[in-house]
């Protein structure tokens, strides 16, 4: 007599194999989702890291406003001998190349403008973050020691609230404090 499988035995094997295949497929989908989230977070982190680094370098090298530097006197901020000034959504200062420099939030992007005292955004108007992955919800600058007679070294605290754009909106909060490189002495 010849041995063979019955229909019930074949159906049971197919059902068990289907359950294992479904579990493996679910695991694969969850790993792809996790990988997508990780790559989006990494790209957003890279953009924020670049923005913070660029703003920190420029702020660290800022010069006092309304003081002769390289045989020029430029007044980027209203006030006498101040280091930084805030706008409604950003910060303004005189950079090391004697230009007016501004960082601000516009259309969920951190932007940089460079110009002269009459027009801050004349020469360069660049976004530091893209809208493809990152949505910057809030950009704040807190100043300390910005005037010359307060006996404090100028420093700026940068606060950024952002979220990753897409199906998985992950909130990101970044804060850093930058001190100006020049000593704040009265002259």
N, C-alpha and C. Protein backbone atom coordinates (compact mmCIF):
# COMPACT_ATOMS: atom_id res chain seq x y z
N UNK A 1 0.82 -1.15 0.00
CA UNK A 1 0.00 0.00 0.00
C UNK A 1 0.89 1.25 0.00
N UNK A 2 0.53 2.25 -0.78
CA UNK A 2 1.29 3.47 -0.97
C UNK A 2 0.82 4.53 0.03
N UNK A 3 1.82 5.21 0.71
CA UNK A 3 1.48 6.26 1.68
C UNK A 3 1.35 7.59 0.97
N UNK A 4 0.38 8.39 1.38
CA UNK A 4 0.19 9.74 0.83
C UNK A 4 -0.43 10.63 1.90
N UNK A 5 -0.48 11.93 1.60
CA UNK A 5 -1.04 12.89 2.53
C UNK A 5 -2.52 13.07 2.24
N UNK A 6 -3.24 13.28 3.29
CA UNK A 6 -4.67 13.54 3.11
C UNK A 6 -4.86 15.03 2.87
N UNK A 7 -6.03 15.38 2.42
CA UNK A 7 -6.35 16.78 2.15
C UNK A 7 -6.30 17.61 3.43
N UNK A 8 -6.72 17.09 4.54
CA UNK A 8 -6.71 17.80 5.81
C UNK A 8 -5.26 18.07 6.24
N UNK A 9 -4.39 17.10 6.06
CA UNK A 9 -2.98 17.30 6.42
C UNK A 9 -2.34 18.39 5.56
N UNK A 10 -2.63 18.42 4.29
CA UNK A 10 -2.09 19.46 3.40
C UNK A 10 -2.63 20.84 3.77
N UNK A 11 -3.91 20.92 4.13
CA UNK A 11 -4.49 22.21 4.53
C UNK A 11 -3.88 22.69 5.84
N UNK A 12 -3.61 21.79 6.76
CA UNK A 12 -2.99 22.18 8.03
C UNK A 12 -1.57 22.70 7.81
N UNK A 13 -0.81 22.07 6.95
CA UNK A 13 0.54 22.52 6.64
C UNK A 13 0.50 23.90 5.98
N UNK A 14 -0.43 24.08 5.05
CA UNK A 14 -0.57 25.39 4.39
C UNK A 14 -0.96 26.47 5.39
N UNK A 15 -1.85 26.17 6.32
CA UNK A 15 -2.28 27.15 7.32
C UNK A 15 -1.11 27.53 8.24
N UNK A 16 -0.34 26.53 8.69
CA UNK A 16 0.81 26.80 9.56
C UNK A 16 1.85 27.63 8.81
N UNK A 17 2.13 27.26 7.56
CA UNK A 17 3.07 28.01 6.75
C UNK A 17 2.57 29.45 6.53
N UNK A 18 1.29 29.65 6.32
CA UNK A 18 0.70 30.98 6.13
C UNK A 18 0.84 31.85 7.37
N UNK A 19 0.65 31.25 8.55
CA UNK A 19 0.79 32.01 9.80
C UNK A 19 2.23 32.47 9.98
N UNK A 20 3.20 31.58 9.71
CA UNK A 20 4.60 31.97 9.80
C UNK A 20 4.96 33.03 8.76
N UNK A 21 4.45 32.90 7.55
CA UNK A 21 4.72 33.88 6.50
C UNK A 21 4.12 35.25 6.85
N UNK A 22 2.93 35.26 7.40
CA UNK A 22 2.29 36.50 7.82
C UNK A 22 3.08 37.18 8.94
N UNK A 23 3.57 36.41 9.89
CA UNK A 23 4.40 36.96 10.96
C UNK A 23 5.70 37.54 10.43
N UNK A 24 6.33 36.82 9.48
CA UNK A 24 7.58 37.32 8.89
C UNK A 24 7.32 38.59 8.07
N UNK A 25 6.21 38.64 7.36
CA UNK A 25 5.87 39.82 6.57
C UNK A 25 5.60 41.02 7.48
N UNK A 26 4.89 40.81 8.59
CA UNK A 26 4.61 41.87 9.55
C UNK A 26 5.92 42.39 10.16
N UNK A 27 6.84 41.51 10.48
CA UNK A 27 8.15 41.91 11.01
C UNK A 27 8.92 42.73 9.98
N UNK A 28 8.87 42.31 8.71
CA UNK A 28 9.55 43.03 7.64
C UNK A 28 8.97 44.44 7.48
N UNK A 29 7.66 44.56 7.51
CA UNK A 29 7.01 45.87 7.37
C UNK A 29 7.39 46.78 8.54
N UNK A 30 7.42 46.25 9.76
CA UNK A 30 7.77 47.07 10.91
C UNK A 30 9.23 47.53 10.83
N UNK A 31 10.11 46.70 10.31
CA UNK A 31 11.51 47.08 10.15
C UNK A 31 11.69 48.16 9.09
N UNK A 32 10.93 48.08 8.01
CA UNK A 32 10.97 49.11 6.97
C UNK A 32 10.46 50.44 7.53
N UNK A 33 9.40 50.40 8.31
CA UNK A 33 8.86 51.60 8.94
C UNK A 33 9.87 52.21 9.90
N UNK A 34 10.49 51.41 10.70
CA UNK A 34 11.51 51.88 11.64
C UNK A 34 12.69 52.49 10.89
N UNK A 35 13.12 51.86 9.82
CA UNK A 35 14.22 52.38 9.01
C UNK A 35 13.85 53.73 8.39
N UNK A 36 12.63 53.87 7.90
CA UNK A 36 12.16 55.14 7.33
C UNK A 36 12.16 56.24 8.38
N UNK A 37 11.66 55.93 9.56
CA UNK A 37 11.65 56.92 10.64
C UNK A 37 13.07 57.32 11.03
N UNK A 38 13.95 56.36 11.10
CA UNK A 38 15.34 56.64 11.47
C UNK A 38 16.02 57.53 10.43
N UNK A 39 15.82 57.25 9.15
CA UNK A 39 16.43 58.06 8.10
C UNK A 39 15.87 59.48 8.08
N UNK A 40 14.56 59.62 8.30
CA UNK A 40 13.96 60.95 8.36
C UNK A 40 14.49 61.73 9.55
N UNK A 41 14.60 61.07 10.70
CA UNK A 41 15.14 61.72 11.90
C UNK A 41 16.59 62.13 11.68
N UNK A 42 17.37 61.28 11.05
CA UNK A 42 18.77 61.58 10.80
C UNK A 42 18.91 62.78 9.85
N UNK A 43 18.10 62.84 8.80
CA UNK A 43 18.16 63.96 7.87
C UNK A 43 17.74 65.26 8.57
N UNK A 44 16.68 65.21 9.37
CA UNK A 44 16.24 66.39 10.11
C UNK A 44 17.31 66.84 11.10
N UNK A 45 17.92 65.88 11.79
CA UNK A 45 18.99 66.20 12.74
C UNK A 45 20.18 66.84 12.03
N UNK A 46 20.52 66.35 10.84
CA UNK A 46 21.63 66.93 10.07
C UNK A 46 21.32 68.37 9.68
N UNK A 47 20.07 68.64 9.27
CA UNK A 47 19.69 70.00 8.90
C UNK A 47 19.77 70.93 10.11
N UNK A 48 19.24 70.47 11.24
CA UNK A 48 19.29 71.30 12.45
C UNK A 48 20.73 71.50 12.93
N UNK A 49 21.53 70.47 12.83
CA UNK A 49 22.93 70.57 13.23
C UNK A 49 23.67 71.58 12.36
N UNK A 50 23.44 71.55 11.06
CA UNK A 50 24.06 72.51 10.16
C UNK A 50 23.61 73.93 10.50
N UNK A 51 22.31 74.11 10.74
CA UNK A 51 21.76 75.44 11.05
C UNK A 51 22.35 76.00 12.34
N UNK A 52 22.37 75.17 13.38
CA UNK A 52 22.92 75.60 14.67
C UNK A 52 24.40 75.94 14.53
N UNK A 53 25.13 75.11 13.81
CA UNK A 53 26.57 75.35 13.63
C UNK A 53 26.81 76.65 12.88
N UNK A 54 26.06 76.89 11.81
CA UNK A 54 26.22 78.12 11.01
C UNK A 54 25.87 79.35 11.85
N UNK A 55 24.75 79.31 12.56
CA UNK A 55 24.36 80.45 13.39
C UNK A 55 25.37 80.68 14.50
N UNK A 56 25.84 79.61 15.12
CA UNK A 56 26.81 79.73 16.22
C UNK A 56 28.11 80.37 15.76
N UNK A 57 28.62 79.94 14.62
CA UNK A 57 29.86 80.51 14.11
C UNK A 57 29.72 82.00 13.82
N UNK A 58 28.63 82.37 13.17
CA UNK A 58 28.42 83.78 12.82
C UNK A 58 28.21 84.64 14.07
N UNK A 59 27.43 84.15 15.02
CA UNK A 59 27.17 84.90 16.25
C UNK A 59 28.45 85.03 17.07
N UNK A 60 29.25 83.99 17.13
CA UNK A 60 30.50 84.02 17.89
C UNK A 60 31.45 85.08 17.35
N UNK A 61 31.42 85.32 16.03
CA UNK A 61 32.34 86.26 15.40
C UNK A 61 31.74 87.66 15.23
N UNK A 62 30.57 87.93 15.79
CA UNK A 62 29.90 89.22 15.64
C UNK A 62 30.73 90.35 16.23
N UNK A 63 30.56 91.54 15.67
CA UNK A 63 31.25 92.75 16.13
C UNK A 63 30.24 93.72 16.71
N UNK A 64 30.72 94.64 17.53
CA UNK A 64 29.85 95.67 18.09
C UNK A 64 29.32 96.55 16.97
N UNK A 65 28.08 96.93 17.11
CA UNK A 65 27.45 97.81 16.14
C UNK A 65 27.82 99.25 16.46
N UNK A 66 27.82 100.11 15.45
CA UNK A 66 28.03 101.54 15.61
C UNK A 66 29.43 101.88 16.14
N UNK A 67 30.42 101.04 15.84
CA UNK A 67 31.81 101.30 16.20
C UNK A 67 32.63 101.14 14.92
N UNK A 68 33.64 101.96 14.75
CA UNK A 68 34.45 101.89 13.55
C UNK A 68 35.22 100.57 13.51
N UNK A 69 35.06 99.87 12.41
CA UNK A 69 35.74 98.59 12.21
C UNK A 69 36.12 98.53 10.73
N UNK A 70 37.38 98.27 10.46
CA UNK A 70 37.92 98.27 9.10
C UNK A 70 37.62 99.61 8.40
N UNK A 71 37.77 100.69 9.17
CA UNK A 71 37.59 102.06 8.69
C UNK A 71 36.17 102.34 8.22
N UNK A 72 35.21 101.61 8.76
CA UNK A 72 33.80 101.85 8.43
C UNK A 72 32.98 101.80 9.71
N UNK A 73 31.94 102.62 9.72
CA UNK A 73 30.98 102.57 10.81
C UNK A 73 29.63 102.18 10.22
N UNK A 74 29.12 101.07 10.63
CA UNK A 74 27.84 100.58 10.13
C UNK A 74 26.90 100.42 11.31
N UNK A 75 25.66 100.82 11.13
CA UNK A 75 24.67 100.71 12.18
C UNK A 75 23.58 99.73 11.72
N UNK A 76 23.73 98.47 12.07
CA UNK A 76 22.74 97.45 11.71
C UNK A 76 21.58 97.42 12.69
N UNK A 77 21.83 97.86 13.92
CA UNK A 77 20.84 97.79 14.99
C UNK A 77 20.64 99.20 15.52
N UNK A 78 19.41 99.56 15.79
CA UNK A 78 19.20 100.88 16.38
C UNK A 78 19.66 100.85 17.83
N UNK A 79 20.55 101.72 18.17
CA UNK A 79 21.11 101.75 19.51
C UNK A 79 22.60 101.96 19.42
N UNK A 80 23.20 102.35 20.50
CA UNK A 80 24.62 102.63 20.49
C UNK A 80 25.42 101.47 21.06
N UNK A 81 26.43 101.09 20.34
CA UNK A 81 27.41 100.10 20.79
C UNK A 81 26.78 98.84 21.38
N UNK A 82 25.84 98.29 20.65
CA UNK A 82 25.24 97.02 21.07
C UNK A 82 25.81 95.91 20.21
N UNK A 83 25.73 94.70 20.71
CA UNK A 83 26.28 93.55 19.98
C UNK A 83 25.23 92.85 19.13
N UNK A 84 24.02 92.72 19.66
CA UNK A 84 22.95 92.00 18.98
C UNK A 84 21.64 92.74 19.15
N UNK A 85 20.74 92.53 18.22
CA UNK A 85 19.39 93.05 18.35
C UNK A 85 18.41 92.00 17.88
N UNK A 86 17.24 91.98 18.45
CA UNK A 86 16.23 91.01 18.04
C UNK A 86 15.18 91.69 17.18
N UNK A 87 14.65 90.93 16.25
CA UNK A 87 13.51 91.35 15.45
C UNK A 87 12.31 90.54 15.91
N UNK A 88 11.18 90.67 15.24
CA UNK A 88 9.99 89.92 15.66
C UNK A 88 10.20 88.42 15.57
N UNK A 89 11.01 87.97 14.62
CA UNK A 89 11.22 86.53 14.48
C UNK A 89 12.68 86.15 14.25
N UNK A 90 13.63 86.98 14.75
CA UNK A 90 15.02 86.64 14.52
C UNK A 90 16.00 87.50 15.29
N UNK A 91 17.24 87.50 14.80
CA UNK A 91 18.33 88.23 15.43
C UNK A 91 19.11 88.97 14.35
N UNK A 92 19.59 90.19 14.68
CA UNK A 92 20.38 91.01 13.76
C UNK A 92 21.68 91.38 14.46
N UNK A 93 22.78 91.38 13.71
CA UNK A 93 24.08 91.78 14.25
C UNK A 93 25.01 92.14 13.11
N UNK A 94 26.15 92.73 13.46
CA UNK A 94 27.18 93.05 12.47
C UNK A 94 28.20 91.92 12.48
N UNK A 95 28.45 91.34 11.31
CA UNK A 95 29.36 90.19 11.26
C UNK A 95 30.81 90.63 11.12
N UNK A 96 31.70 89.67 11.10
CA UNK A 96 33.13 89.95 11.07
C UNK A 96 33.61 90.54 9.75
N UNK A 97 32.78 90.51 8.71
CA UNK A 97 33.12 91.15 7.44
C UNK A 97 32.47 92.52 7.31
N UNK A 98 31.94 93.04 8.43
CA UNK A 98 31.35 94.36 8.50
C UNK A 98 30.05 94.47 7.69
N UNK A 99 29.27 93.42 7.69
CA UNK A 99 27.98 93.41 7.02
C UNK A 99 26.89 93.17 8.05
N UNK A 100 25.69 93.63 7.74
CA UNK A 100 24.55 93.32 8.60
C UNK A 100 24.12 91.89 8.34
N UNK A 101 23.94 91.15 9.39
CA UNK A 101 23.63 89.72 9.30
C UNK A 101 22.35 89.47 10.08
N UNK A 102 21.47 88.64 9.54
CA UNK A 102 20.21 88.35 10.21
C UNK A 102 19.85 86.87 10.02
N UNK A 103 19.41 86.25 11.11
CA UNK A 103 18.84 84.90 11.07
C UNK A 103 17.40 85.03 11.54
N UNK A 104 16.48 84.38 10.83
CA UNK A 104 15.07 84.51 11.18
C UNK A 104 14.29 83.30 10.68
N UNK A 105 13.05 83.21 11.14
CA UNK A 105 12.14 82.13 10.76
C UNK A 105 11.13 82.67 9.77
N UNK A 106 10.99 81.99 8.62
CA UNK A 106 10.02 82.39 7.62
C UNK A 106 9.53 81.15 6.89
N UNK A 107 8.24 80.98 6.82
CA UNK A 107 7.62 79.83 6.13
C UNK A 107 8.17 78.50 6.62
N UNK A 108 8.28 78.34 7.92
CA UNK A 108 8.77 77.11 8.56
C UNK A 108 10.20 76.76 8.20
N UNK A 109 10.98 77.75 7.79
CA UNK A 109 12.39 77.56 7.47
C UNK A 109 13.22 78.58 8.24
N UNK A 110 14.41 78.17 8.64
CA UNK A 110 15.37 79.10 9.22
C UNK A 110 16.12 79.71 8.04
N UNK A 111 16.12 81.04 7.96
CA UNK A 111 16.76 81.72 6.84
C UNK A 111 17.85 82.66 7.34
N UNK A 112 18.76 82.96 6.44
CA UNK A 112 19.90 83.84 6.71
C UNK A 112 19.89 84.95 5.66
N UNK A 113 20.02 86.19 6.12
CA UNK A 113 20.12 87.34 5.21
C UNK A 113 21.37 88.11 5.54
N UNK A 114 22.04 88.56 4.50
CA UNK A 114 23.24 89.37 4.66
C UNK A 114 23.08 90.59 3.76
N UNK A 115 23.39 91.76 4.28
CA UNK A 115 23.26 92.99 3.48
C UNK A 115 23.97 94.14 4.14
N UNK A 116 23.55 95.35 3.75
CA UNK A 116 24.13 96.55 4.35
C UNK A 116 23.15 97.13 5.36
N UNK A 117 23.48 98.27 5.94
CA UNK A 117 22.63 98.80 7.00
C UNK A 117 21.28 99.28 6.49
N UNK A 118 21.20 99.69 5.24
CA UNK A 118 19.92 100.16 4.70
C UNK A 118 18.98 98.99 4.39
N UNK A 119 19.54 97.89 3.90
CA UNK A 119 18.71 96.75 3.51
C UNK A 119 19.39 95.47 4.00
N UNK A 120 18.89 94.90 5.08
CA UNK A 120 19.52 93.71 5.67
C UNK A 120 19.56 92.53 4.71
N UNK A 121 18.57 92.36 3.88
CA UNK A 121 18.49 91.18 3.01
C UNK A 121 18.80 91.52 1.57
N UNK A 122 19.84 92.25 1.35
CA UNK A 122 20.16 92.68 0.00
C UNK A 122 21.00 91.65 -0.76
N UNK A 123 22.10 91.21 -0.18
CA UNK A 123 23.06 90.40 -0.92
C UNK A 123 22.70 88.92 -0.94
N UNK A 124 22.51 88.32 0.22
CA UNK A 124 22.30 86.87 0.31
C UNK A 124 21.04 86.61 1.12
N UNK A 125 20.18 85.76 0.60
CA UNK A 125 18.98 85.34 1.33
C UNK A 125 18.86 83.83 1.15
N UNK A 126 19.41 83.08 2.08
CA UNK A 126 19.49 81.62 1.96
C UNK A 126 18.69 80.91 3.03
N UNK A 127 17.98 79.84 2.67
CA UNK A 127 17.39 79.01 3.73
C UNK A 127 18.44 78.06 4.29
N UNK A 128 18.45 77.90 5.60
CA UNK A 128 19.37 76.97 6.24
C UNK A 128 18.73 75.61 6.45
N UNK A 129 17.41 75.55 6.39
CA UNK A 129 16.70 74.27 6.50
C UNK A 129 15.77 74.14 5.30
N UNK A 130 15.43 72.90 4.98
CA UNK A 130 14.52 72.67 3.86
C UNK A 130 13.12 72.34 4.38
N UNK A 131 12.14 72.53 3.53
CA UNK A 131 10.77 72.19 3.90
C UNK A 131 10.44 70.73 3.61
N UNK A 132 11.34 70.01 2.97
CA UNK A 132 11.03 68.64 2.58
C UNK A 132 10.94 67.69 3.76
N UNK A 133 11.79 67.83 4.75
CA UNK A 133 11.78 66.93 5.90
C UNK A 133 11.46 67.61 7.21
N UNK A 134 11.80 68.85 7.35
CA UNK A 134 11.75 69.52 8.64
C UNK A 134 10.80 70.71 8.59
N UNK A 135 9.96 70.82 9.61
CA UNK A 135 9.09 71.98 9.78
C UNK A 135 9.51 72.66 11.07
N UNK A 136 10.10 73.85 10.95
CA UNK A 136 10.51 74.60 12.12
C UNK A 136 9.31 75.41 12.59
N UNK A 137 8.83 75.11 13.79
CA UNK A 137 7.65 75.77 14.31
C UNK A 137 7.97 77.03 15.09
N UNK A 138 9.14 77.06 15.72
CA UNK A 138 9.48 78.18 16.58
C UNK A 138 10.99 78.38 16.60
N UNK A 139 11.43 79.62 16.47
CA UNK A 139 12.84 79.98 16.55
C UNK A 139 12.92 81.21 17.44
N UNK A 140 13.60 81.08 18.57
CA UNK A 140 13.72 82.18 19.53
C UNK A 140 15.19 82.42 19.84
N UNK A 141 15.52 83.70 20.04
CA UNK A 141 16.86 84.11 20.45
C UNK A 141 16.72 84.89 21.75
N UNK A 142 17.43 84.47 22.79
CA UNK A 142 17.44 85.18 24.06
C UNK A 142 18.83 85.77 24.25
N UNK A 143 18.88 87.09 24.46
CA UNK A 143 20.14 87.81 24.55
C UNK A 143 20.50 88.10 25.99
N UNK A 144 21.79 88.07 26.27
CA UNK A 144 22.31 88.45 27.58
C UNK A 144 23.62 89.20 27.35
N UNK A 145 23.76 90.34 27.98
CA UNK A 145 24.98 91.11 27.85
C UNK A 145 25.13 91.79 26.51
N UNK A 146 24.02 92.14 25.86
CA UNK A 146 24.11 92.70 24.51
C UNK A 146 24.53 94.16 24.47
N UNK A 147 24.41 94.87 25.59
CA UNK A 147 24.87 96.26 25.61
C UNK A 147 26.26 96.34 26.22
N UNK A 148 26.94 97.42 25.96
CA UNK A 148 28.33 97.53 26.40
C UNK A 148 28.46 97.87 27.88
N UNK A 149 27.48 98.51 28.46
CA UNK A 149 27.62 98.95 29.84
C UNK A 149 26.98 98.02 30.87
N UNK A 150 26.65 96.80 30.51
CA UNK A 150 26.02 95.88 31.47
C UNK A 150 27.02 94.97 32.19
N UNK A 151 28.30 95.09 31.88
CA UNK A 151 29.36 94.33 32.54
C UNK A 151 29.22 92.81 32.36
N UNK A 152 28.64 92.39 31.26
CA UNK A 152 28.49 90.96 30.97
C UNK A 152 29.03 90.67 29.58
N UNK A 153 29.59 89.48 29.42
CA UNK A 153 30.03 89.02 28.11
C UNK A 153 28.78 88.69 27.28
N UNK A 154 28.69 89.19 26.05
CA UNK A 154 27.50 88.93 25.22
C UNK A 154 27.34 87.44 24.92
N UNK A 155 26.11 86.96 25.10
CA UNK A 155 25.81 85.59 24.71
C UNK A 155 24.38 85.50 24.22
N UNK A 156 24.15 84.53 23.35
CA UNK A 156 22.85 84.34 22.72
C UNK A 156 22.44 82.89 22.95
N UNK A 157 21.22 82.70 23.45
CA UNK A 157 20.65 81.36 23.57
C UNK A 157 19.68 81.16 22.41
N UNK A 158 19.89 80.09 21.67
CA UNK A 158 19.06 79.77 20.51
C UNK A 158 18.15 78.61 20.88
N UNK A 159 16.85 78.78 20.69
CA UNK A 159 15.86 77.73 20.94
C UNK A 159 15.12 77.42 19.64
N UNK A 160 15.07 76.15 19.29
CA UNK A 160 14.38 75.73 18.06
C UNK A 160 13.38 74.63 18.42
N UNK A 161 12.13 74.83 18.04
CA UNK A 161 11.10 73.78 18.11
C UNK A 161 10.77 73.38 16.69
N UNK A 162 10.91 72.10 16.38
CA UNK A 162 10.66 71.63 15.02
C UNK A 162 9.98 70.27 15.08
N UNK A 163 9.53 69.81 13.93
CA UNK A 163 9.00 68.46 13.82
C UNK A 163 9.36 67.92 12.44
N UNK A 164 9.44 66.62 12.38
CA UNK A 164 9.75 65.96 11.11
C UNK A 164 8.47 65.89 10.30
N UNK A 165 8.55 66.32 9.04
CA UNK A 165 7.39 66.29 8.15
C UNK A 165 7.13 64.87 7.68
N UNK A 166 5.88 64.53 7.52
CA UNK A 166 5.54 63.23 6.97
C UNK A 166 4.54 62.49 7.83
N UNK A 167 4.45 61.20 7.58
CA UNK A 167 3.48 60.35 8.27
C UNK A 167 3.76 60.26 9.76
N UNK A 168 5.03 60.23 10.12
CA UNK A 168 5.43 60.10 11.52
C UNK A 168 6.02 61.43 11.98
N UNK A 169 5.20 62.29 12.54
CA UNK A 169 5.66 63.61 12.98
C UNK A 169 6.33 63.48 14.35
N UNK A 170 7.65 63.56 14.34
CA UNK A 170 8.42 63.43 15.56
C UNK A 170 8.87 64.83 15.98
N UNK A 171 8.51 65.28 17.19
CA UNK A 171 8.95 66.62 17.63
C UNK A 171 10.43 66.62 18.02
N UNK A 172 11.08 67.74 17.70
CA UNK A 172 12.49 67.92 18.02
C UNK A 172 12.65 69.29 18.68
N UNK A 173 13.34 69.32 19.81
CA UNK A 173 13.64 70.58 20.49
C UNK A 173 15.15 70.69 20.66
N UNK A 174 15.70 71.84 20.25
CA UNK A 174 17.14 72.05 20.32
C UNK A 174 17.39 73.39 21.02
N UNK A 175 18.38 73.41 21.89
CA UNK A 175 18.78 74.64 22.57
C UNK A 175 20.29 74.66 22.68
N UNK A 176 20.86 75.84 22.43
CA UNK A 176 22.29 76.03 22.61
C UNK A 176 22.55 77.48 22.99
N UNK A 177 23.65 77.71 23.67
CA UNK A 177 24.04 79.07 24.04
C UNK A 177 25.42 79.35 23.46
N UNK A 178 25.55 80.51 22.83
CA UNK A 178 26.79 80.90 22.16
C UNK A 178 27.28 82.21 22.76
N UNK A 179 28.55 82.26 23.10
CA UNK A 179 29.16 83.47 23.63
C UNK A 179 29.96 84.15 22.52
N UNK A 180 29.92 85.46 22.48
CA UNK A 180 30.68 86.20 21.48
C UNK A 180 32.16 86.06 21.77
N UNK A 181 32.97 85.91 20.73
CA UNK A 181 34.41 85.70 20.91
C UNK A 181 35.14 86.94 21.38
N UNK A 182 34.74 88.11 20.90
CA UNK A 182 35.40 89.36 21.32
C UNK A 182 35.06 89.66 22.78
N UNK A 183 36.05 90.12 23.52
CA UNK A 183 35.79 90.53 24.90
C UNK A 183 34.96 91.81 24.89
N UNK A 184 34.01 91.89 25.79
CA UNK A 184 33.12 93.04 25.87
C UNK A 184 33.73 94.07 26.81
N UNK A 185 34.60 94.90 26.24
CA UNK A 185 35.22 95.97 27.02
C UNK A 185 34.71 97.31 26.51
N UNK A 186 34.63 98.28 27.38
CA UNK A 186 34.11 99.58 26.99
C UNK A 186 35.18 100.36 26.23
N UNK A 187 34.79 100.90 25.09
CA UNK A 187 35.65 101.78 24.31
C UNK A 187 34.82 102.70 23.48
